């Protein structure tokens, strides 16, 4: 009964004593729910508590300040705009709530109650949270932090783990790893409406390439080798035949340098899928300079927005709307 009273008291203060508006946190890079879809409470400011113990401090025998918490994330990688990602952990017996946030992103942190006793570890409690990520998070490693909070509002030692946020544009995970080699270049198309839109390229050799003809390689003896040197390959045919999977991006990826010459870039509305118009963006992306840790995230070297109307749909009979050209020396 004593623990139930502590939970109710803290919950009442978090939900009723805060001056945060009800819409607080909706623009954060991280949004948190728990239980059966209940929203965690958003509070402005840095995560409370003391900094995480360093490896040197742990090896020296230092112990976390109470209340203490652990943080577990599966795999450690997420995509931008991913939803339903699960984080969990345990706390010591003093804790009634958990605070969680990206340590390097956003303007505040989320608070949610701990749940039941952990039957495998007497004197500890479990916590579980569901995380939804924003679509504009910079790809790369970002430390996700958590801290346990007691009924008086006191926070213990923070714990943190790096979470790799993957790019929407395939980069071989180079934004998170110094040892991963990024693609030489990626031509990318994304759009805002559920239509069958295609990125289309005419290579210097005159081959028309799109997701339905996905390789820039020329046929040899009637066969196309997508692994041939200097070849660009499409990663998907998004929204094909109006099958709405939620992905509205197509990427033409060159792992090494494209063959020299001029490439012509078009956007083709294959099927409007009942929509009146679609807005799109085409970008050319190359590896940027090394960031901390030696990783090489992709950077956009060219970006162009545009719009097509339903009357422009032609089932691939035409090249589509000319957007730009680029040359490879």
Protein backbone atom coordinates (compact mmCIF):
# COMPACT_ATOMS: atom_id res chain seq x y z
CA UNK A 1 0.00 0.00 0.00
CA UNK A 2 2.83 2.40 0.78
CA UNK A 3 4.27 2.08 -2.73
CA UNK A 4 0.88 2.62 -4.37
CA UNK A 5 0.48 5.87 -2.39
CA UNK A 6 3.92 7.10 -3.54
CA UNK A 7 3.08 6.41 -7.19
CA UNK A 8 -0.22 8.26 -7.03
CA UNK A 9 1.35 11.24 -5.26
CA UNK A 10 4.16 11.61 -7.78
CA UNK A 11 1.81 11.07 -10.73
CA UNK A 12 -0.54 13.76 -9.49
CA UNK A 13 2.28 16.29 -9.26
CA UNK A 14 3.78 15.43 -12.64
CA UNK A 15 0.45 15.66 -14.42
CA UNK A 16 -1.15 18.42 -12.42
CA UNK A 17 1.60 20.60 -10.98
CA UNK A 18 3.57 21.23 -14.20
CA UNK A 19 3.13 24.51 -16.06
CA UNK A 20 3.87 22.78 -19.39
CA UNK A 21 1.06 23.14 -21.97
CA UNK A 22 -0.81 20.00 -22.98
CA UNK A 23 0.84 20.15 -26.40
CA UNK A 24 4.36 20.21 -24.94
CA UNK A 25 6.71 17.76 -26.60
CA UNK A 26 4.85 17.29 -29.88
CA UNK A 27 7.75 18.76 -31.87
CA UNK A 28 10.48 16.95 -29.92
CA UNK A 29 12.82 14.51 -31.72
CA UNK A 30 11.60 11.86 -29.27
CA UNK A 31 8.06 11.16 -28.05
CA UNK A 32 7.29 8.62 -25.32
CA UNK A 33 4.25 6.55 -24.35
CA UNK A 34 3.81 3.70 -21.86
CA UNK A 35 1.24 1.11 -20.87
CA UNK A 36 -1.71 1.01 -23.24
CA UNK A 37 -0.72 4.07 -25.23
CA UNK A 38 -0.66 6.57 -22.35
CA UNK A 39 1.45 9.65 -23.01
CA UNK A 40 4.44 10.23 -20.76
CA UNK A 41 4.68 13.68 -19.17
CA UNK A 42 6.98 16.14 -20.96
CA UNK A 43 9.07 18.54 -18.88
CA UNK A 44 11.40 21.23 -20.23
CA UNK A 45 15.09 21.21 -19.43
CA UNK A 46 18.00 18.85 -19.10
CA UNK A 47 17.62 15.37 -17.70
CA UNK A 48 17.85 15.64 -13.88
CA UNK A 49 20.30 13.70 -11.76
CA UNK A 50 24.06 13.29 -11.82
CA UNK A 51 26.02 12.44 -14.98
CA UNK A 52 26.50 8.79 -15.94
CA UNK A 53 29.46 7.06 -14.34
CA UNK A 54 32.49 6.79 -16.60
CA UNK A 55 34.14 3.46 -17.35
CA UNK A 56 37.07 4.57 -15.21
CA UNK A 57 34.77 5.33 -12.26
CA UNK A 58 33.04 1.97 -12.58
CA UNK A 59 36.38 0.13 -12.74
CA UNK A 60 37.39 2.07 -9.64
CA UNK A 61 34.43 0.71 -7.71
CA UNK A 62 32.08 3.72 -7.87
CA UNK A 63 28.37 2.95 -7.61
CA UNK A 64 25.47 4.98 -9.04
CA UNK A 65 23.64 7.47 -6.84
CA UNK A 66 20.25 6.21 -5.73
CA UNK A 67 17.72 5.78 -7.14
CA UNK A 68 19.52 3.90 -9.91
CA UNK A 69 18.23 2.69 -13.26
CA UNK A 70 19.29 0.53 -16.19
CA UNK A 71 18.44 1.20 -19.85
CA UNK A 72 18.06 -1.47 -22.53
CA UNK A 73 17.41 -0.90 -26.25
CA UNK A 74 17.16 -3.66 -28.83
CA UNK A 75 19.84 -3.67 -31.55
CA UNK A 76 20.71 -0.02 -30.91
CA UNK A 77 19.62 1.23 -34.34
CA UNK A 78 16.49 3.09 -35.44
CA UNK A 79 15.26 4.88 -38.54
CA UNK A 80 14.15 8.48 -38.60
CA UNK A 81 10.36 8.72 -38.11
CA UNK A 82 10.31 5.16 -36.73
CA UNK A 83 7.48 4.42 -34.30
CA UNK A 84 6.90 1.72 -31.72
CA UNK A 85 10.54 1.33 -30.63
CA UNK A 86 10.75 -0.29 -27.19
CA UNK A 87 13.09 0.79 -24.40
CA UNK A 88 13.07 -0.89 -21.00
CA UNK A 89 15.05 -1.38 -17.83
CA UNK A 90 14.98 -1.78 -14.08
CA UNK A 91 15.27 0.56 -11.09
CA UNK A 92 16.20 0.24 -7.45
CA UNK A 93 13.38 0.13 -4.90
CA UNK A 94 13.40 3.89 -4.19
CA UNK A 95 12.27 4.81 -7.71
CA UNK A 96 8.69 5.55 -8.71
CA UNK A 97 9.36 7.07 -12.14
CA UNK A 98 11.83 7.25 -15.02
CA UNK A 99 13.00 10.27 -16.99
CA UNK A 100 14.18 9.71 -20.57
CA UNK A 101 15.51 11.90 -23.42
CA UNK A 102 18.15 12.24 -26.11
CA UNK A 103 21.07 13.80 -24.26
CA UNK A 104 22.11 15.92 -27.25
CA UNK A 105 18.75 16.69 -28.88
CA UNK A 106 15.49 18.36 -27.95
CA UNK A 107 14.43 20.77 -25.23
CA UNK A 108 13.26 18.51 -22.43
CA UNK A 109 12.64 15.02 -21.10
CA UNK A 110 9.77 12.58 -20.61
CA UNK A 111 8.62 11.09 -17.30
CA UNK A 112 6.70 7.84 -16.87
CA UNK A 113 6.00 5.58 -13.87
CA UNK A 114 7.84 2.37 -13.14
CA UNK A 115 5.75 -0.80 -13.26
CA UNK A 116 5.80 -3.96 -11.17
CA UNK A 117 8.45 -5.74 -9.14
CA UNK A 118 11.06 -7.61 -11.20
CA UNK A 119 10.59 -11.24 -10.09
CA UNK A 120 14.11 -12.16 -11.15
CA UNK A 121 15.76 -9.43 -9.06
CA UNK A 122 14.20 -8.86 -5.62
CA UNK A 123 14.12 -5.21 -4.59
CA UNK A 124 14.03 -3.88 -8.15
CA UNK A 125 11.24 -2.62 -10.39
CA UNK A 126 10.68 -2.77 -14.13
CA UNK A 127 9.93 0.04 -16.55
CA UNK A 128 8.92 -0.05 -20.20
CA UNK A 129 8.48 2.77 -22.71
CA UNK A 130 7.50 3.03 -26.36
CA UNK A 131 9.49 5.59 -28.34
CA UNK A 132 8.48 7.41 -31.50
CA UNK A 133 11.21 9.32 -33.34
CA UNK A 134 11.02 12.55 -35.31
CA UNK A 135 11.66 12.67 -39.02
CA UNK A 136 14.32 15.38 -38.90
CA UNK A 137 16.88 13.80 -36.57
CA UNK A 138 20.39 14.12 -37.93
CA UNK A 139 21.66 10.62 -38.87
CA UNK A 140 24.41 9.30 -36.63
CA UNK A 141 24.93 8.27 -33.03
CA UNK A 142 22.90 10.06 -30.37
CA UNK A 143 23.10 9.17 -26.65
CA UNK A 144 19.75 8.11 -25.20
CA UNK A 145 19.65 8.80 -21.48
CA UNK A 146 17.47 7.66 -18.60
CA UNK A 147 17.35 8.41 -14.89
CA UNK A 148 15.33 7.05 -11.95
CA UNK A 149 13.31 9.49 -9.82
CA UNK A 150 12.00 8.92 -6.29
CA UNK A 151 8.70 10.07 -4.75
CA UNK A 152 10.25 13.32 -3.52
CA UNK A 153 11.41 14.19 -7.06
CA UNK A 154 15.07 13.36 -6.41
CA UNK A 155 16.94 11.85 -9.38
CA UNK A 156 19.88 9.47 -9.14
CA UNK A 157 22.74 8.77 -11.52
CA UNK A 158 21.87 8.96 -15.19
CA UNK A 159 22.56 6.08 -17.56
CA UNK A 160 23.07 6.48 -21.29
CA UNK A 161 23.57 4.33 -24.35
CA UNK A 162 24.37 5.36 -27.95
CA UNK A 163 21.50 4.94 -30.37
CA UNK A 164 22.32 4.91 -34.08
CA UNK A 165 19.75 6.88 -36.09
CA UNK A 166 19.90 5.66 -39.67
CA UNK A 167 19.46 7.92 -42.66
CA UNK A 168 16.45 7.70 -45.00
CA UNK A 169 19.07 7.71 -47.74
CA UNK A 170 21.09 4.45 -47.76
CA UNK A 171 24.60 5.15 -46.52
CA UNK A 172 25.88 1.68 -45.51
CA UNK A 173 25.49 2.88 -41.88
CA UNK A 174 28.46 5.18 -42.46
CA UNK A 175 26.87 7.93 -40.33
CA UNK A 176 27.37 5.69 -37.28
CA UNK A 177 30.56 3.78 -38.04
CA UNK A 178 34.06 4.96 -38.87
CA UNK A 179 34.79 1.60 -40.51
CA UNK A 180 31.76 1.59 -42.84
CA UNK A 181 32.49 2.80 -46.35
CA UNK A 182 29.76 5.17 -47.59
CA UNK A 183 28.39 4.98 -51.14
CA UNK A 184 30.15 7.16 -53.69
CA UNK A 185 26.86 8.96 -54.40
CA UNK A 186 23.11 8.54 -53.99
CA UNK A 187 20.46 10.20 -56.13
CA UNK A 188 17.28 10.32 -54.06
CA UNK A 189 13.61 11.16 -54.68
CA UNK A 190 11.04 11.58 -51.91
CA UNK A 191 7.46 12.84 -52.06
CA UNK A 192 4.50 13.79 -49.86
CA UNK A 193 1.44 11.96 -51.24
CA UNK A 194 0.46 8.32 -51.73
CA UNK A 195 1.14 8.10 -55.50
CA UNK A 196 3.30 5.88 -57.68
CA UNK A 197 6.13 8.30 -58.48
CA UNK A 198 9.36 7.25 -60.17
CA UNK A 199 12.85 8.69 -60.33
CA UNK A 200 14.14 8.26 -63.89
CA UNK A 201 17.69 8.77 -65.19
CA UNK A 202 19.20 8.66 -68.67
CA UNK A 203 22.82 7.54 -68.40
CA UNK A 204 25.64 8.80 -70.67
CA UNK A 205 25.29 5.52 -72.57
CA UNK A 206 21.64 6.33 -73.33
CA UNK A 207 20.09 3.75 -71.01
CA UNK A 208 16.84 4.81 -69.30
CA UNK A 209 16.92 3.69 -65.68
CA UNK A 210 14.09 3.74 -63.13
CA UNK A 211 12.87 1.43 -60.32
CA UNK A 212 11.17 -0.77 -62.89
CA UNK A 213 14.51 -0.96 -64.80
CA UNK A 214 16.74 -0.70 -61.74
CA UNK A 215 20.38 -0.93 -62.90
CA UNK A 216 22.58 1.43 -64.90
CA UNK A 217 24.71 -1.51 -66.08
CA UNK A 218 24.57 -2.34 -69.77
CA UNK A 219 23.55 -5.83 -70.84
CA UNK A 220 26.32 -8.23 -71.79
CA UNK A 221 25.16 -11.27 -73.78
CA UNK A 222 21.62 -10.28 -72.88
CA UNK A 223 22.26 -10.20 -69.14
CA UNK A 224 22.65 -7.25 -66.75
CA UNK A 225 25.09 -7.58 -63.85
CA UNK A 226 23.96 -5.20 -61.06
CA UNK A 227 27.29 -5.78 -59.27
CA UNK A 228 29.37 -4.57 -62.22
CA UNK A 229 31.82 -1.75 -61.39
CA UNK A 230 30.55 1.84 -61.68
CA UNK A 231 26.93 0.66 -61.57
CA UNK A 232 24.04 2.48 -59.95
CA UNK A 233 21.16 0.37 -58.57
CA UNK A 234 17.73 1.38 -57.31
CA UNK A 235 16.89 0.20 -53.80
CA UNK A 236 13.09 0.05 -54.20
CA UNK A 237 10.02 0.88 -56.26
CA UNK A 238 8.03 2.77 -53.63
CA UNK A 239 4.22 2.81 -53.84
CA UNK A 240 4.32 0.54 -56.90
CA UNK A 241 0.84 -0.13 -58.32
CA UNK A 242 -0.56 2.13 -55.57
CA UNK A 243 0.37 -0.38 -52.87
CA UNK A 244 0.75 2.02 -49.96
CA UNK A 245 3.55 0.75 -47.72
CA UNK A 246 4.30 4.12 -46.12
CA UNK A 247 7.65 4.51 -47.92
CA UNK A 248 7.76 7.41 -50.35
CA UNK A 249 11.42 7.45 -51.28
CA UNK A 250 13.48 5.89 -54.07
CA UNK A 251 17.27 5.92 -54.18
CA UNK A 252 19.67 5.26 -57.04
CA UNK A 253 22.87 4.17 -55.30
CA UNK A 254 26.40 4.06 -56.73
CA UNK A 255 28.77 2.25 -54.39
CA UNK A 256 31.72 3.45 -56.50
CA UNK A 257 32.13 6.26 -59.03
CA UNK A 258 29.54 6.33 -61.85
CA UNK A 259 30.79 6.01 -65.40
CA UNK A 260 31.89 9.41 -66.73
CA UNK A 261 29.51 11.58 -68.73
CA UNK A 262 26.28 13.52 -68.29
CA UNK A 263 23.27 12.07 -66.49
CA UNK A 264 19.77 13.49 -67.14
CA UNK A 265 17.32 13.34 -64.22
CA UNK A 266 13.52 13.18 -64.54
CA UNK A 267 10.57 12.58 -62.22
CA UNK A 268 7.71 10.54 -63.70
CA UNK A 269 4.20 10.20 -62.27
CA UNK A 270 3.38 6.60 -63.16
CA UNK A 271 -0.01 6.58 -61.39
CA UNK A 272 -1.73 9.35 -59.40
CA UNK A 273 -3.56 6.71 -57.33
CA UNK A 274 -6.61 8.96 -57.00
CA UNK A 275 -4.62 11.96 -55.73
CA UNK A 276 -4.84 15.39 -57.35
CA UNK A 277 -1.16 16.37 -57.06
CA UNK A 278 2.16 15.42 -55.51
CA UNK A 279 5.08 17.51 -54.26
CA UNK A 280 8.55 16.00 -54.42
CA UNK A 281 12.20 16.66 -53.80
CA UNK A 282 15.25 15.34 -55.68
CA UNK A 283 18.66 15.39 -54.01
CA UNK A 284 22.18 14.26 -54.88
CA UNK A 285 24.12 13.07 -51.85
CA UNK A 286 27.83 12.50 -51.33
CA UNK A 287 29.99 11.57 -48.31
CA UNK A 288 30.84 14.59 -46.21
CA UNK A 289 33.91 15.23 -44.07
CA UNK A 290 34.54 12.97 -41.10
CA UNK A 291 32.68 13.85 -37.91
CA UNK A 292 33.63 12.98 -34.34
CA UNK A 293 34.64 9.34 -34.23
CA UNK A 294 35.60 9.24 -37.90
CA UNK A 295 32.16 8.49 -39.39
CA UNK A 296 31.31 9.92 -42.83
CA UNK A 297 27.61 10.85 -43.06
CA UNK A 298 26.16 11.69 -46.45
CA UNK A 299 25.55 15.33 -47.30
CA UNK A 300 23.22 16.80 -49.91
CA UNK A 301 25.19 18.57 -52.65
CA UNK A 302 22.07 19.38 -54.69
CA UNK A 303 18.37 19.63 -53.88
CA UNK A 304 15.41 20.59 -56.06
CA UNK A 305 11.69 20.61 -55.19
CA UNK A 306 8.84 20.27 -57.67
CA UNK A 307 5.21 19.34 -58.19
CA UNK A 308 3.25 17.14 -60.60
CA UNK A 309 -0.53 17.04 -61.16
CA UNK A 310 -2.77 14.04 -61.68
CA UNK A 311 -3.06 14.90 -65.39
CA UNK A 312 0.70 14.29 -65.67
CA UNK A 313 0.29 10.57 -64.90
CA UNK A 314 1.26 8.53 -67.98
CA UNK A 315 1.98 4.94 -66.79
CA UNK A 316 5.61 5.38 -67.83
CA UNK A 317 4.85 6.24 -71.45
CA UNK A 318 6.87 9.47 -71.23
CA UNK A 319 10.14 10.43 -69.57
CA UNK A 320 8.39 12.71 -67.14
CA UNK A 321 9.38 16.12 -65.80
CA UNK A 322 13.01 17.09 -66.43
CA UNK A 323 14.61 18.18 -63.16
CA UNK A 324 18.36 18.53 -63.65
CA UNK A 325 21.51 17.02 -65.09
CA UNK A 326 24.88 16.26 -63.53
CA UNK A 327 28.23 15.36 -65.01
CA UNK A 328 30.84 12.89 -63.83
CA UNK A 329 34.40 13.60 -64.90
